[in-house]
Amino acid sequence: MSFDTEACGARIRELRKGNKLTQEKLAEELNITDSHLRRIESGTRTGSIDLLIDIAAYFEVSMDYLLLGKVDQSGKVRAELREVQKQLKRITAML
């Protein structure tokens, strides 16, 4: 198994878009330039290990998922719980 920079970048882009963040906003949150984030998302560059840890922590995903696309069942359950929490917040806001 090898590290695929394009696939990793695509996962980061998917996470960013799934959270309705612009590249500029996520770059600001991560304290990097938006051009650096664009290169990471396109797979032409990788971030430092520290940056990848920050990205995984920001989106509450495992490094296994971020780097290799591996999803363990606990990670899947956590993602489903986050989605339920978002839906509950939307419903509560409408009441």
N, C-alpha and C. Protein backbone atom coordinates (compact mmCIF):
# COMPACT_ATOMS: atom_id res chain seq x y z
N MET A 1 0.85 -1.18 0.00
CA MET A 1 0.00 0.00 0.00
C MET A 1 0.89 1.23 0.00
N SER A 2 0.57 2.19 -0.84
CA SER A 2 1.39 3.40 -0.90
C SER A 2 0.50 4.63 -0.74
N PHE A 3 1.13 5.72 -0.40
CA PHE A 3 0.44 6.99 -0.19
C PHE A 3 0.13 7.62 -1.54
N ASP A 4 -1.13 7.93 -1.78
CA ASP A 4 -1.59 8.56 -3.01
C ASP A 4 -1.95 10.01 -2.70
N THR A 5 -1.10 10.94 -3.13
CA THR A 5 -1.31 12.35 -2.80
C THR A 5 -2.60 12.89 -3.39
N GLU A 6 -2.96 12.43 -4.59
CA GLU A 6 -4.20 12.91 -5.21
C GLU A 6 -5.42 12.43 -4.44
N ALA A 7 -5.41 11.18 -4.02
CA ALA A 7 -6.55 10.64 -3.26
C ALA A 7 -6.66 11.33 -1.89
N CYS A 8 -5.52 11.58 -1.26
CA CYS A 8 -5.52 12.28 0.03
C CYS A 8 -6.08 13.69 -0.16
N GLY A 9 -5.62 14.38 -1.19
CA GLY A 9 -6.11 15.72 -1.48
C GLY A 9 -7.60 15.73 -1.76
N ALA A 10 -8.07 14.71 -2.47
CA ALA A 10 -9.51 14.61 -2.78
C ALA A 10 -10.32 14.41 -1.50
N ARG A 11 -9.79 13.62 -0.56
CA ARG A 11 -10.49 13.43 0.71
C ARG A 11 -10.56 14.74 1.49
N ILE A 12 -9.47 15.51 1.49
CA ILE A 12 -9.46 16.79 2.18
C ILE A 12 -10.47 17.73 1.53
N ARG A 13 -10.49 17.77 0.21
CA ARG A 13 -11.45 18.62 -0.51
C ARG A 13 -12.88 18.20 -0.17
N GLU A 14 -13.13 16.90 -0.15
CA GLU A 14 -14.46 16.38 0.18
C GLU A 14 -14.88 16.79 1.59
N LEU A 15 -13.95 16.67 2.53
CA LEU A 15 -14.23 17.08 3.91
C LEU A 15 -14.53 18.58 3.98
N ARG A 16 -13.73 19.35 3.29
CA ARG A 16 -13.93 20.81 3.29
C ARG A 16 -15.29 21.17 2.72
N LYS A 17 -15.60 20.63 1.56
CA LYS A 17 -16.87 20.94 0.91
C LYS A 17 -18.05 20.41 1.72
N GLY A 18 -17.89 19.23 2.31
CA GLY A 18 -18.95 18.66 3.14
C GLY A 18 -19.26 19.51 4.35
N ASN A 19 -18.29 20.30 4.76
CA ASN A 19 -18.48 21.21 5.89
C ASN A 19 -18.74 22.64 5.43
N LYS A 20 -19.00 22.79 4.13
CA LYS A 20 -19.35 24.09 3.54
C LYS A 20 -18.31 25.17 3.83
N LEU A 21 -17.04 24.79 3.69
CA LEU A 21 -15.95 25.74 3.89
C LEU A 21 -15.32 26.08 2.56
N THR A 22 -14.92 27.33 2.39
CA THR A 22 -14.14 27.70 1.22
C THR A 22 -12.69 27.33 1.48
N GLN A 23 -11.91 27.29 0.41
CA GLN A 23 -10.48 27.04 0.59
C GLN A 23 -9.87 28.15 1.43
N GLU A 24 -10.31 29.37 1.20
CA GLU A 24 -9.76 30.51 1.95
C GLU A 24 -10.03 30.37 3.44
N LYS A 25 -11.28 29.98 3.79
CA LYS A 25 -11.64 29.87 5.20
C LYS A 25 -10.87 28.73 5.87
N LEU A 26 -10.80 27.56 5.22
CA LEU A 26 -10.07 26.45 5.82
C LEU A 26 -8.59 26.78 5.94
N ALA A 27 -8.02 27.40 4.92
CA ALA A 27 -6.61 27.78 4.98
C ALA A 27 -6.36 28.71 6.17
N GLU A 28 -7.28 29.66 6.36
CA GLU A 28 -7.16 30.58 7.49
C GLU A 28 -7.22 29.82 8.82
N GLU A 29 -8.15 28.86 8.92
CA GLU A 29 -8.29 28.06 10.14
C GLU A 29 -7.03 27.24 10.42
N LEU A 30 -6.37 26.79 9.35
CA LEU A 30 -5.17 25.96 9.49
C LEU A 30 -3.88 26.77 9.51
N ASN A 31 -4.02 28.09 9.36
CA ASN A 31 -2.87 28.99 9.36
C ASN A 31 -1.89 28.68 8.22
N ILE A 32 -2.46 28.44 7.03
CA ILE A 32 -1.66 28.25 5.82
C ILE A 32 -2.25 29.13 4.72
N THR A 33 -1.56 29.26 3.60
CA THR A 33 -2.11 30.06 2.51
C THR A 33 -3.12 29.23 1.72
N ASP A 34 -4.05 29.93 1.08
CA ASP A 34 -5.03 29.21 0.28
C ASP A 34 -4.38 28.54 -0.93
N SER A 35 -3.29 29.10 -1.43
CA SER A 35 -2.60 28.46 -2.56
C SER A 35 -1.95 27.14 -2.11
N HIS A 36 -1.44 27.10 -0.88
CA HIS A 36 -0.88 25.86 -0.35
C HIS A 36 -1.98 24.80 -0.23
N LEU A 37 -3.13 25.20 0.28
CA LEU A 37 -4.25 24.26 0.40
C LEU A 37 -4.70 23.78 -0.97
N ARG A 38 -4.73 24.66 -1.95
CA ARG A 38 -5.11 24.26 -3.32
C ARG A 38 -4.17 23.18 -3.85
N ARG A 39 -2.87 23.35 -3.62
CA ARG A 39 -1.89 22.36 -4.08
C ARG A 39 -2.06 21.03 -3.35
N ILE A 40 -2.39 21.08 -2.07
CA ILE A 40 -2.62 19.84 -1.31
C ILE A 40 -3.87 19.15 -1.86
N GLU A 41 -4.95 19.91 -2.05
CA GLU A 41 -6.19 19.32 -2.54
C GLU A 41 -6.05 18.75 -3.95
N SER A 42 -5.21 19.36 -4.75
CA SER A 42 -5.02 18.87 -6.12
C SER A 42 -4.05 17.69 -6.18
N GLY A 43 -3.34 17.45 -5.09
CA GLY A 43 -2.41 16.33 -5.03
C GLY A 43 -1.03 16.65 -5.57
N THR A 44 -0.78 17.92 -5.89
CA THR A 44 0.55 18.27 -6.40
C THR A 44 1.55 18.46 -5.27
N ARG A 45 1.06 18.65 -4.05
CA ARG A 45 1.91 18.77 -2.86
C ARG A 45 1.26 18.02 -1.72
N THR A 46 2.07 17.64 -0.76
CA THR A 46 1.51 17.10 0.48
C THR A 46 1.83 18.09 1.58
N GLY A 47 1.02 18.06 2.59
CA GLY A 47 1.32 18.90 3.74
C GLY A 47 2.32 18.20 4.64
N SER A 48 2.88 18.94 5.56
CA SER A 48 3.75 18.33 6.56
C SER A 48 2.92 17.39 7.42
N ILE A 49 3.58 16.51 8.13
CA ILE A 49 2.85 15.60 9.01
C ILE A 49 2.09 16.39 10.06
N ASP A 50 2.67 17.48 10.53
CA ASP A 50 1.97 18.32 11.51
C ASP A 50 0.70 18.91 10.92
N LEU A 51 0.77 19.37 9.67
CA LEU A 51 -0.41 19.93 9.01
C LEU A 51 -1.47 18.86 8.80
N LEU A 52 -1.06 17.67 8.38
CA LEU A 52 -2.03 16.60 8.16
C LEU A 52 -2.70 16.20 9.48
N ILE A 53 -1.94 16.21 10.57
CA ILE A 53 -2.53 15.95 11.89
C ILE A 53 -3.55 17.03 12.22
N ASP A 54 -3.21 18.29 11.96
CA ASP A 54 -4.14 19.40 12.20
C ASP A 54 -5.42 19.25 11.38
N ILE A 55 -5.28 18.84 10.12
CA ILE A 55 -6.45 18.66 9.25
C ILE A 55 -7.32 17.53 9.78
N ALA A 56 -6.69 16.41 10.14
CA ALA A 56 -7.46 15.28 10.69
C ALA A 56 -8.18 15.69 11.96
N ALA A 57 -7.51 16.42 12.84
CA ALA A 57 -8.13 16.87 14.08
C ALA A 57 -9.26 17.86 13.81
N TYR A 58 -9.03 18.76 12.87
CA TYR A 58 -10.06 19.78 12.54
C TYR A 58 -11.35 19.11 12.09
N PHE A 59 -11.24 18.09 11.24
CA PHE A 59 -12.42 17.41 10.71
C PHE A 59 -12.83 16.19 11.53
N GLU A 60 -12.09 15.92 12.61
CA GLU A 60 -12.37 14.79 13.50
C GLU A 60 -12.42 13.47 12.74
N VAL A 61 -11.38 13.26 11.92
CA VAL A 61 -11.22 11.99 11.21
C VAL A 61 -9.88 11.39 11.60
N SER A 62 -9.73 10.11 11.35
CA SER A 62 -8.47 9.46 11.71
C SER A 62 -7.41 9.76 10.64
N MET A 63 -6.18 9.61 11.03
CA MET A 63 -5.08 9.74 10.06
C MET A 63 -5.17 8.61 9.04
N ASP A 64 -5.62 7.43 9.46
CA ASP A 64 -5.80 6.32 8.52
C ASP A 64 -6.75 6.74 7.40
N TYR A 65 -7.83 7.39 7.78
CA TYR A 65 -8.78 7.83 6.76
C TYR A 65 -8.16 8.91 5.88
N LEU A 66 -7.58 9.92 6.51
CA LEU A 66 -7.05 11.04 5.75
C LEU A 66 -5.96 10.59 4.78
N LEU A 67 -5.03 9.78 5.24
CA LEU A 67 -3.91 9.38 4.40
C LEU A 67 -4.21 8.22 3.46
N LEU A 68 -4.98 7.25 3.94
CA LEU A 68 -5.15 6.01 3.18
C LEU A 68 -6.59 5.72 2.77
N GLY A 69 -7.52 6.50 3.30
CA GLY A 69 -8.92 6.27 2.96
C GLY A 69 -9.56 5.15 3.74
N LYS A 70 -8.86 4.64 4.76
CA LYS A 70 -9.40 3.54 5.56
C LYS A 70 -10.39 4.09 6.58
N VAL A 71 -11.55 3.46 6.60
CA VAL A 71 -12.57 3.86 7.57
C VAL A 71 -12.84 2.67 8.48
N ASP A 72 -12.56 2.86 9.75
CA ASP A 72 -12.92 1.80 10.68
C ASP A 72 -14.37 2.03 11.11
N GLN A 73 -14.97 1.03 11.66
CA GLN A 73 -16.38 1.13 12.02
C GLN A 73 -16.63 2.24 13.04
N SER A 74 -15.71 2.45 13.98
CA SER A 74 -15.92 3.50 14.97
C SER A 74 -15.89 4.87 14.30
N GLY A 75 -15.04 5.03 13.30
CA GLY A 75 -15.01 6.29 12.56
C GLY A 75 -16.29 6.53 11.80
N LYS A 76 -16.83 5.47 11.24
CA LYS A 76 -18.10 5.57 10.50
C LYS A 76 -19.22 5.94 11.46
N VAL A 77 -19.24 5.33 12.60
CA VAL A 77 -20.27 5.63 13.60
C VAL A 77 -20.16 7.08 14.05
N ARG A 78 -18.93 7.54 14.29
CA ARG A 78 -18.74 8.94 14.69
C ARG A 78 -19.24 9.89 13.61
N ALA A 79 -18.97 9.58 12.35
CA ALA A 79 -19.43 10.43 11.26
C ALA A 79 -20.95 10.46 11.20
N GLU A 80 -21.58 9.30 11.40
CA GLU A 80 -23.03 9.25 11.40
C GLU A 80 -23.61 10.03 12.57
N LEU A 81 -22.97 9.93 13.73
CA LEU A 81 -23.43 10.69 14.90
C LEU A 81 -23.30 12.19 14.67
N ARG A 82 -22.20 12.63 14.02
CA ARG A 82 -22.06 14.06 13.72
C ARG A 82 -23.17 14.52 12.79
N GLU A 83 -23.54 13.70 11.83
CA GLU A 83 -24.61 14.05 10.90
C GLU A 83 -25.94 14.15 11.64
N VAL A 84 -26.21 13.23 12.54
CA VAL A 84 -27.44 13.28 13.34
C VAL A 84 -27.45 14.54 14.20
N GLN A 85 -26.30 14.89 14.78
CA GLN A 85 -26.22 16.10 15.59
C GLN A 85 -26.53 17.34 14.76
N LYS A 86 -26.01 17.40 13.54
CA LYS A 86 -26.28 18.53 12.66
C LYS A 86 -27.78 18.62 12.35
N GLN A 87 -28.38 17.48 12.07
CA GLN A 87 -29.80 17.46 11.75
C GLN A 87 -30.63 17.89 12.95
N LEU A 88 -30.25 17.44 14.15
CA LEU A 88 -30.97 17.84 15.36
C LEU A 88 -30.86 19.35 15.59
N LYS A 89 -29.70 19.92 15.33
CA LYS A 89 -29.51 21.36 15.49
C LYS A 89 -30.42 22.11 14.53
N ARG A 90 -30.50 21.63 13.27
CA ARG A 90 -31.38 22.27 12.29
C ARG A 90 -32.84 22.19 12.72
N ILE A 91 -33.26 21.04 13.21
CA ILE A 91 -34.64 20.86 13.65
C ILE A 91 -34.93 21.75 14.85
N THR A 92 -34.01 21.79 15.79
CA THR A 92 -34.18 22.62 16.98
C THR A 92 -34.28 24.09 16.60
N ALA A 93 -33.50 24.51 15.64
CA ALA A 93 -33.51 25.91 15.21
C ALA A 93 -34.85 26.28 14.57
N MET A 94 -35.51 25.31 13.96
CA MET A 94 -36.79 25.59 13.31
C MET A 94 -37.94 25.66 14.31
N LEU A 95 -37.74 25.14 15.52
CA LEU A 95 -38.82 25.13 16.53
C LEU A 95 -38.99 26.46 17.21
